[in-house]
Amino acid sequence: MNNTMKKLYDTVLNRKSNHSQGSYTCYLFEQGLDKILKKCGEECSEVIIAAKNGDNKETINEISDLLYHLTVLMVNEGITLEEVETELDKRSEKTGNLKKFHKVDKNS
């Protein structure tokens, strides 16, 4: 498991149960799911713009912001880092699924 992501996850988890005055993470938890989702959306858009502009330094900064906000979302929703890692491990074993991947689901 990536030690940096584990540290981030543990810090965010700690902020959820131990309120810290002036903490942005605590602020997000206080504001609730809608605010957390809004920030995830904003950060995702900023990653796209930075990448489109070809600015790797800015893209790295925005990816870091997105990963942070996704971690807040995970903690808020009770999703563990291990659950996500397990899903990624399962996906890494798949090969030759390009046709299935591009199949359009008209119900979504």
N, C-alpha and C. Protein backbone atom coordinates (compact mmCIF):
# COMPACT_ATOMS: atom_id res chain seq x y z
N MET A 1 0.85 -1.19 0.00
CA MET A 1 0.00 0.00 0.00
C MET A 1 0.89 1.25 0.00
N ASN A 2 0.49 2.22 -0.75
CA ASN A 2 1.24 3.45 -0.84
C ASN A 2 1.23 4.16 0.52
N ASN A 3 2.41 4.36 1.08
CA ASN A 3 2.54 4.95 2.41
C ASN A 3 2.00 6.39 2.45
N THR A 4 2.22 7.15 1.40
CA THR A 4 1.75 8.54 1.37
C THR A 4 0.23 8.60 1.40
N MET A 5 -0.41 7.77 0.60
CA MET A 5 -1.88 7.74 0.59
C MET A 5 -2.42 7.25 1.94
N LYS A 6 -1.74 6.29 2.54
CA LYS A 6 -2.15 5.78 3.85
C LYS A 6 -2.06 6.88 4.90
N LYS A 7 -0.98 7.65 4.88
CA LYS A 7 -0.82 8.77 5.82
C LYS A 7 -1.92 9.80 5.62
N LEU A 8 -2.20 10.13 4.35
CA LEU A 8 -3.26 11.09 4.05
C LEU A 8 -4.59 10.58 4.56
N TYR A 9 -4.90 9.32 4.25
CA TYR A 9 -6.17 8.73 4.68
C TYR A 9 -6.28 8.77 6.20
N ASP A 10 -5.23 8.38 6.90
CA ASP A 10 -5.26 8.37 8.36
C ASP A 10 -5.44 9.77 8.94
N THR A 11 -4.80 10.76 8.32
CA THR A 11 -4.95 12.15 8.78
C THR A 11 -6.38 12.62 8.59
N VAL A 12 -6.96 12.35 7.43
CA VAL A 12 -8.35 12.75 7.17
C VAL A 12 -9.30 12.02 8.12
N LEU A 13 -9.07 10.75 8.32
CA LEU A 13 -9.89 9.97 9.26
C LEU A 13 -9.82 10.55 10.66
N ASN A 14 -8.64 10.95 11.07
CA ASN A 14 -8.46 11.56 12.39
C ASN A 14 -9.21 12.89 12.49
N ARG A 15 -9.17 13.69 11.42
CA ARG A 15 -9.87 14.98 11.43
C ARG A 15 -11.39 14.80 11.55
N LYS A 16 -11.89 13.70 11.00
CA LYS A 16 -13.34 13.45 11.07
C LYS A 16 -13.78 13.21 12.51
N SER A 17 -12.95 12.53 13.28
CA SER A 17 -13.35 12.21 14.65
C SER A 17 -12.79 13.17 15.69
N ASN A 18 -11.78 13.95 15.33
CA ASN A 18 -11.17 14.91 16.27
C ASN A 18 -11.15 16.29 15.64
N HIS A 19 -12.16 17.07 15.95
CA HIS A 19 -12.28 18.40 15.36
C HIS A 19 -11.07 19.26 15.72
N SER A 20 -10.53 19.90 14.71
CA SER A 20 -9.39 20.79 14.89
C SER A 20 -9.78 22.17 14.38
N GLN A 21 -9.71 23.16 15.25
CA GLN A 21 -10.08 24.53 14.90
C GLN A 21 -9.26 25.02 13.72
N GLY A 22 -9.90 25.56 12.72
CA GLY A 22 -9.23 26.10 11.55
C GLY A 22 -8.83 25.07 10.52
N SER A 23 -9.23 23.82 10.70
CA SER A 23 -8.88 22.76 9.76
C SER A 23 -9.83 22.77 8.57
N TYR A 24 -9.26 22.83 7.37
CA TYR A 24 -10.07 22.80 6.16
C TYR A 24 -10.79 21.46 6.04
N THR A 25 -10.12 20.39 6.43
CA THR A 25 -10.74 19.06 6.37
C THR A 25 -11.97 19.01 7.27
N CYS A 26 -11.84 19.53 8.49
CA CYS A 26 -12.99 19.56 9.41
C CYS A 26 -14.12 20.41 8.83
N TYR A 27 -13.76 21.52 8.19
CA TYR A 27 -14.75 22.37 7.55
C TYR A 27 -15.54 21.59 6.50
N LEU A 28 -14.83 20.80 5.68
CA LEU A 28 -15.51 20.01 4.66
C LEU A 28 -16.48 19.02 5.29
N PHE A 29 -16.06 18.33 6.35
CA PHE A 29 -16.95 17.39 7.03
C PHE A 29 -18.16 18.10 7.62
N GLU A 30 -17.95 19.28 8.17
CA GLU A 30 -19.06 20.05 8.74
C GLU A 30 -20.06 20.46 7.66
N GLN A 31 -19.57 20.80 6.49
CA GLN A 31 -20.44 21.25 5.40
C GLN A 31 -21.22 20.09 4.78
N GLY A 32 -20.65 18.89 4.83
CA GLY A 32 -21.38 17.72 4.39
C GLY A 32 -21.07 17.27 2.98
N LEU A 33 -21.80 16.24 2.58
CA LEU A 33 -21.55 15.55 1.32
C LEU A 33 -21.63 16.47 0.11
N ASP A 34 -22.63 17.34 0.05
CA ASP A 34 -22.77 18.20 -1.13
C ASP A 34 -21.52 19.06 -1.35
N LYS A 35 -20.97 19.63 -0.28
CA LYS A 35 -19.77 20.46 -0.39
C LYS A 35 -18.57 19.62 -0.82
N ILE A 36 -18.44 18.43 -0.25
CA ILE A 36 -17.33 17.54 -0.60
C ILE A 36 -17.42 17.17 -2.08
N LEU A 37 -18.61 16.82 -2.54
CA LEU A 37 -18.79 16.46 -3.95
C LEU A 37 -18.51 17.64 -4.87
N LYS A 38 -18.93 18.82 -4.47
CA LYS A 38 -18.67 20.04 -5.26
C LYS A 38 -17.17 20.25 -5.42
N LYS A 39 -16.43 20.07 -4.33
CA LYS A 39 -14.98 20.25 -4.39
C LYS A 39 -14.33 19.18 -5.26
N CYS A 40 -14.81 17.95 -5.20
CA CYS A 40 -14.27 16.89 -6.07
C CYS A 40 -14.48 17.26 -7.53
N GLY A 41 -15.66 17.74 -7.85
CA GLY A 41 -15.96 18.17 -9.22
C GLY A 41 -15.08 19.31 -9.67
N GLU A 42 -14.91 20.31 -8.81
CA GLU A 42 -14.06 21.45 -9.15
C GLU A 42 -12.62 21.02 -9.40
N GLU A 43 -12.12 20.17 -8.52
CA GLU A 43 -10.73 19.73 -8.66
C GLU A 43 -10.54 18.89 -9.92
N CYS A 44 -11.52 18.07 -10.25
CA CYS A 44 -11.45 17.26 -11.46
C CYS A 44 -11.36 18.17 -12.69
N SER A 45 -12.16 19.20 -12.71
CA SER A 45 -12.12 20.16 -13.83
C SER A 45 -10.78 20.85 -13.91
N GLU A 46 -10.20 21.18 -12.76
CA GLU A 46 -8.91 21.86 -12.74
C GLU A 46 -7.79 20.94 -13.23
N VAL A 47 -7.89 19.64 -12.95
CA VAL A 47 -6.93 18.67 -13.49
C VAL A 47 -7.00 18.68 -15.01
N ILE A 48 -8.21 18.64 -15.53
CA ILE A 48 -8.41 18.61 -16.98
C ILE A 48 -7.81 19.85 -17.64
N ILE A 49 -8.08 21.01 -17.06
CA ILE A 49 -7.59 22.27 -17.63
C ILE A 49 -6.07 22.32 -17.59
N ALA A 50 -5.49 21.94 -16.45
CA ALA A 50 -4.02 21.97 -16.33
C ALA A 50 -3.37 21.01 -17.32
N ALA A 51 -3.95 19.82 -17.47
CA ALA A 51 -3.39 18.85 -18.41
C ALA A 51 -3.53 19.35 -19.84
N LYS A 52 -4.68 19.92 -20.16
CA LYS A 52 -4.93 20.45 -21.50
C LYS A 52 -3.94 21.58 -21.83
N ASN A 53 -3.57 22.35 -20.80
CA ASN A 53 -2.61 23.44 -20.99
C ASN A 53 -1.17 22.95 -21.06
N GLY A 54 -0.96 21.65 -20.84
CA GLY A 54 0.39 21.09 -20.94
C GLY A 54 1.33 21.51 -19.83
N ASP A 55 0.77 21.90 -18.69
CA ASP A 55 1.57 22.37 -17.56
C ASP A 55 1.68 21.24 -16.53
N ASN A 56 2.74 20.44 -16.64
CA ASN A 56 2.86 19.28 -15.76
C ASN A 56 2.93 19.65 -14.28
N LYS A 57 3.62 20.73 -13.96
CA LYS A 57 3.71 21.14 -12.54
C LYS A 57 2.32 21.44 -12.00
N GLU A 58 1.55 22.20 -12.75
CA GLU A 58 0.18 22.54 -12.31
C GLU A 58 -0.71 21.30 -12.32
N THR A 59 -0.52 20.42 -13.28
CA THR A 59 -1.31 19.19 -13.33
C THR A 59 -1.03 18.34 -12.09
N ILE A 60 0.22 18.24 -11.69
CA ILE A 60 0.57 17.50 -10.47
C ILE A 60 -0.10 18.13 -9.25
N ASN A 61 -0.07 19.44 -9.17
CA ASN A 61 -0.73 20.13 -8.05
C ASN A 61 -2.22 19.84 -8.02
N GLU A 62 -2.85 19.89 -9.18
CA GLU A 62 -4.30 19.67 -9.23
C GLU A 62 -4.66 18.21 -8.98
N ILE A 63 -3.84 17.27 -9.47
CA ILE A 63 -4.08 15.86 -9.16
C ILE A 63 -3.98 15.63 -7.66
N SER A 64 -3.02 16.27 -7.03
CA SER A 64 -2.87 16.15 -5.57
C SER A 64 -4.10 16.69 -4.85
N ASP A 65 -4.61 17.83 -5.30
CA ASP A 65 -5.83 18.38 -4.72
C ASP A 65 -7.01 17.43 -4.90
N LEU A 66 -7.12 16.85 -6.08
CA LEU A 66 -8.21 15.92 -6.36
C LEU A 66 -8.10 14.68 -5.47
N LEU A 67 -6.91 14.12 -5.35
CA LEU A 67 -6.74 12.94 -4.50
C LEU A 67 -7.07 13.25 -3.04
N TYR A 68 -6.71 14.44 -2.59
CA TYR A 68 -7.07 14.85 -1.23
C TYR A 68 -8.59 14.88 -1.06
N HIS A 69 -9.28 15.55 -1.98
CA HIS A 69 -10.73 15.67 -1.86
C HIS A 69 -11.43 14.32 -2.03
N LEU A 70 -10.90 13.46 -2.88
CA LEU A 70 -11.46 12.11 -3.00
C LEU A 70 -11.26 11.33 -1.70
N THR A 71 -10.15 11.56 -1.03
CA THR A 71 -9.90 10.91 0.25
C THR A 71 -10.90 11.39 1.30
N VAL A 72 -11.20 12.68 1.30
CA VAL A 72 -12.23 13.20 2.22
C VAL A 72 -13.57 12.53 1.91
N LEU A 73 -13.89 12.40 0.63
CA LEU A 73 -15.13 11.72 0.24
C LEU A 73 -15.14 10.28 0.73
N MET A 74 -14.05 9.57 0.55
CA MET A 74 -13.97 8.19 1.00
C MET A 74 -14.23 8.08 2.50
N VAL A 75 -13.57 8.90 3.27
CA VAL A 75 -13.74 8.86 4.73
C VAL A 75 -15.17 9.23 5.09
N ASN A 76 -15.71 10.23 4.45
CA ASN A 76 -17.08 10.66 4.74
C ASN A 76 -18.07 9.53 4.50
N GLU A 77 -17.82 8.74 3.45
CA GLU A 77 -18.74 7.67 3.07
C GLU A 77 -18.37 6.31 3.67
N GLY A 78 -17.33 6.28 4.50
CA GLY A 78 -16.95 5.04 5.15
C GLY A 78 -16.28 4.04 4.22
N ILE A 79 -15.64 4.55 3.17
CA ILE A 79 -14.93 3.69 2.22
C ILE A 79 -13.46 3.67 2.63
N THR A 80 -12.93 2.47 2.81
CA THR A 80 -11.53 2.36 3.24
C THR A 80 -10.59 2.37 2.05
N LEU A 81 -9.37 2.73 2.33
CA LEU A 81 -8.32 2.70 1.32
C LEU A 81 -8.11 1.27 0.84
N GLU A 82 -8.23 0.32 1.74
CA GLU A 82 -8.06 -1.09 1.39
C GLU A 82 -9.13 -1.55 0.40
N GLU A 83 -10.36 -1.06 0.54
CA GLU A 83 -11.43 -1.43 -0.39
C GLU A 83 -11.11 -0.94 -1.81
N VAL A 84 -10.61 0.27 -1.90
CA VAL A 84 -10.26 0.81 -3.20
C VAL A 84 -9.05 0.06 -3.78
N GLU A 85 -8.09 -0.22 -2.93
CA GLU A 85 -6.91 -0.97 -3.38
C GLU A 85 -7.31 -2.36 -3.89
N THR A 86 -8.22 -3.02 -3.19
CA THR A 86 -8.70 -4.34 -3.62
C THR A 86 -9.34 -4.25 -5.00
N GLU A 87 -10.16 -3.23 -5.21
CA GLU A 87 -10.81 -3.06 -6.52
C GLU A 87 -9.78 -2.78 -7.61
N LEU A 88 -8.79 -1.97 -7.31
CA LEU A 88 -7.74 -1.68 -8.29
C LEU A 88 -6.93 -2.94 -8.60
N ASP A 89 -6.67 -3.75 -7.58
CA ASP A 89 -5.96 -5.01 -7.81
C ASP A 89 -6.76 -5.92 -8.74
N LYS A 90 -8.08 -6.00 -8.51
CA LYS A 90 -8.92 -6.82 -9.38
C LYS A 90 -8.87 -6.32 -10.81
N ARG A 91 -8.92 -5.03 -10.98
CA ARG A 91 -8.90 -4.45 -12.32
C ARG A 91 -7.57 -4.65 -13.02
N SER A 92 -6.50 -4.67 -12.25
CA SER A 92 -5.17 -4.83 -12.87
C SER A 92 -4.99 -6.23 -13.44
N GLU A 93 -5.81 -7.18 -13.01
CA GLU A 93 -5.73 -8.55 -13.51
C GLU A 93 -6.49 -8.72 -14.82
N LYS A 94 -7.34 -7.77 -15.17
CA LYS A 94 -8.14 -7.88 -16.38
C LYS A 94 -7.32 -7.51 -17.60
N THR A 95 -7.44 -8.31 -18.64
CA THR A 95 -6.80 -7.98 -19.92
C THR A 95 -7.78 -8.31 -21.03
N GLY A 96 -7.62 -7.66 -22.15
CA GLY A 96 -8.45 -7.95 -23.31
C GLY A 96 -9.90 -7.56 -23.14
N ASN A 97 -10.18 -6.54 -22.32
CA ASN A 97 -11.57 -6.15 -22.10
C ASN A 97 -11.90 -4.81 -22.74
N LEU A 98 -11.17 -4.42 -23.76
CA LEU A 98 -11.40 -3.14 -24.42
C LEU A 98 -12.80 -3.05 -24.98
N LYS A 99 -13.28 -4.10 -25.62
CA LYS A 99 -14.61 -4.08 -26.21
C LYS A 99 -15.68 -3.89 -25.14
N LYS A 100 -15.56 -4.59 -24.02
CA LYS A 100 -16.52 -4.45 -22.92
C LYS A 100 -16.43 -3.05 -22.32
N PHE A 101 -15.21 -2.52 -22.21
CA PHE A 101 -15.01 -1.21 -21.60
C PHE A 101 -15.72 -0.12 -22.39
N HIS A 102 -15.73 -0.23 -23.70
CA HIS A 102 -16.33 0.80 -24.54
C HIS A 102 -17.81 0.57 -24.83
N LYS A 103 -18.38 -0.47 -24.28
CA LYS A 103 -19.80 -0.74 -24.48
C LYS A 103 -20.63 0.36 -23.81
N VAL A 104 -21.58 0.89 -24.52
CA VAL A 104 -22.40 1.98 -24.00
C VAL A 104 -23.57 1.42 -23.21
N ASP A 105 -23.75 1.94 -22.01
CA ASP A 105 -24.89 1.58 -21.18
C ASP A 105 -25.92 2.69 -21.33
N LYS A 106 -26.96 2.43 -22.05
CA LYS A 106 -27.95 3.47 -22.34
C LYS A 106 -28.83 3.80 -21.13
N ASN A 107 -28.68 3.06 -20.04
CA ASN A 107 -29.45 3.35 -18.82
C ASN A 107 -28.75 4.31 -17.90
N SER A 108 -27.52 4.68 -18.21
CA SER A 108 -26.81 5.59 -17.31
C SER A 108 -26.64 6.96 -17.90
